[in-house]
C-alpha atoms as a PDB file:
ATOM      1  CA  MET A   1      49.794  57.647  15.310  1.00  0.00           C
ATOM      2  CA  TYR A   2      46.761  56.015  16.762  1.00  0.00           C
ATOM      3  CA  LYS A   3      46.678  53.407  13.730  1.00  0.00           C
ATOM      4  CA  LEU A   4      50.250  52.233  14.487  1.00  0.00           C
ATOM      5  CA  ILE A   5      49.462  51.789  18.276  1.00  0.00           C
ATOM      6  CA  LEU A   6      46.335  49.893  17.254  1.00  0.00           C
ATOM      7  CA  VAL A   7      48.245  47.576  14.982  1.00  0.00           C
ATOM      8  CA  ILE A   8      51.027  46.937  17.509  1.00  0.00           C
ATOM      9  CA  SER A   9      48.563  46.429  20.366  1.00  0.00           C
ATOM     10  CA  ALA A  10      46.472  44.054  18.192  1.00  0.00           C
ATOM     11  CA  SER A  11      49.761  42.096  17.097  1.00  0.00           C
ATOM     12  CA  PHE A  12      50.201  40.930  20.594  1.00  0.00           C
ATOM     13  CA  PHE A  13      46.722  39.224  20.533  1.00  0.00           C
ATOM     14  CA  ILE A  14      47.453  37.507  17.016  1.00  0.00           C
ATOM     15  CA  ILE A  15      51.078  36.391  17.350  1.00  0.00           C
ATOM     16  CA  PRO A  16      51.110  33.187  19.781  1.00  0.00           C
ATOM     17  CA  SER A  17      53.480  33.332  22.583  1.00  0.00           C
ATOM     18  CA  LEU A  18      55.088  30.693  25.010  1.00  0.00           C
ATOM     19  CA  ALA A  19      53.846  30.683  28.560  1.00  0.00           C
ATOM     20  CA  ASN A  20      56.166  29.443  30.963  1.00  0.00           C
ATOM     21  CA  ALA A  21      53.834  28.610  33.435  1.00  0.00           C
ATOM     22  CA  TYR A  22      53.515  25.954  36.452  1.00  0.00           C
ATOM     23  CA  ILE A  23      50.344  24.368  36.865  1.00  0.00           C
ATOM     24  CA  GLY A  24      50.319  22.476  40.219  1.00  0.00           C
ATOM     25  CA  PRO A  25      48.780  19.074  41.214  1.00  0.00           C
ATOM     26  CA  GLY A  26      45.968  21.148  42.604  1.00  0.00           C
ATOM     27  CA  MET A  27      44.554  21.903  39.106  1.00  0.00           C
ATOM     28  CA  ALA A  28      45.160  18.131  38.031  1.00  0.00           C
ATOM     29  CA  GLY A  29      42.940  17.052  41.015  1.00  0.00           C
ATOM     30  CA  GLY A  30      40.240  19.361  40.393  1.00  0.00           C
ATOM     31  CA  VAL A  31      40.299  18.331  36.670  1.00  0.00           C
ATOM     32  CA  ILE A  32      39.952  14.640  37.788  1.00  0.00           C
ATOM     33  CA  ALA A  33      37.134  15.422  40.342  1.00  0.00           C
ATOM     34  CA  ALA A  34      35.281  17.259  37.648  1.00  0.00           C
ATOM     35  CA  THR A  35      35.590  14.378  35.269  1.00  0.00           C
ATOM     36  CA  ILE A  36      34.339  11.806  38.033  1.00  0.00           C
ATOM     37  CA  GLY A  37      31.444  14.234  38.795  1.00  0.00           C
ATOM     38  CA  LEU A  38      30.269  14.506  35.024  1.00  0.00           C
ATOM     39  CA  ILE A  39      30.509  10.676  34.741  1.00  0.00           C
ATOM     40  CA  VAL A  40      28.456  10.013  38.102  1.00  0.00           C
ATOM     41  CA  GLU A  41      25.936  12.572  36.919  1.00  0.00           C
ATOM     42  CA  ILE A  42      25.279  11.159  33.594  1.00  0.00           C
ATOM     43  CA  LEU A  43      25.029   7.663  35.034  1.00  0.00           C
ATOM     44  CA  ALA A  44      22.330   9.031  37.933  1.00  0.00           C
ATOM     45  CA  ALA A  45      20.250  10.342  35.207  1.00  0.00           C
ATOM     46  CA  LEU A  46      20.212   7.176  33.170  1.00  0.00           C
ATOM     47  CA  PHE A  47      19.645   5.531  36.227  1.00  0.00           C
ATOM     48  CA  GLY A  48      16.564   7.778  37.154  1.00  0.00           C
ATOM     49  CA  ILE A  49      15.041   7.291  33.582  1.00  0.00           C
ATOM     50  CA  ILE A  50      15.455   3.688  33.640  1.00  0.00           C
ATOM     51  CA  TYR A  51      14.565   2.752  37.223  1.00  0.00           C
ATOM     52  CA  TYR A  52      11.607   4.712  37.965  1.00  0.00           C
ATOM     53  CA  PRO A  53       9.390   3.870  35.162  1.00  0.00           C
ATOM     54  CA  ILE A  54      10.126   0.142  35.890  1.00  0.00           C
ATOM     55  CA  LYS A  55       9.261   0.546  39.579  1.00  0.00           C
ATOM     56  CA  ARG A  56       6.112   2.224  38.552  1.00  0.00           C
ATOM     57  CA  TYR A  57       5.543  -0.528  36.345  1.00  0.00           C
ATOM     58  CA  LEU A  58       6.289  -3.180  38.915  1.00  0.00           C
ATOM     59  CA  LYS A  59       3.937  -1.452  41.571  1.00  0.00           C
ATOM     60  CA  LYS A  60       1.013  -1.414  39.402  1.00  0.00           C
ATOM     61  CA  LYS A  61       1.483  -5.002  38.417  1.00  0.00           C
ATOM     62  CA  LYS A  62       1.831  -6.064  42.134  1.00  0.00           C
ATOM     63  CA  LYS A  63      -1.283  -3.994  42.811  1.00  0.00           C
ATOM     64  CA  LYS A  64      -3.297  -5.911  39.987  1.00  0.00           C
ATOM     65  CA  ASN A  65      -2.210  -9.312  41.443  1.00  0.00           C
ATOM     66  CA  LYS A  66      -3.302  -8.393  44.510  1.00  0.00           C
ATOM     67  CA  GLU A  67      -6.887  -7.526  43.564  1.00  0.00           C
ATOM     68  CA  LYS A  68      -7.299 -10.914  41.997  1.00  0.00           C
END
């Protein structure tokens, strides 16, 4: 008896069923905001990786020229 109940309950998870659900516009707004946030995060990381070493190099070069 327990095996039959186990097989029946497991079949509910294995057999796909259609979900007639409504996803409102708020969900789409959240997905768009998350996507834009991810893109901005990647661009900010690239900017930091590229900009700060260049800034440090220019600062050293300016200091060297000032000493001469």
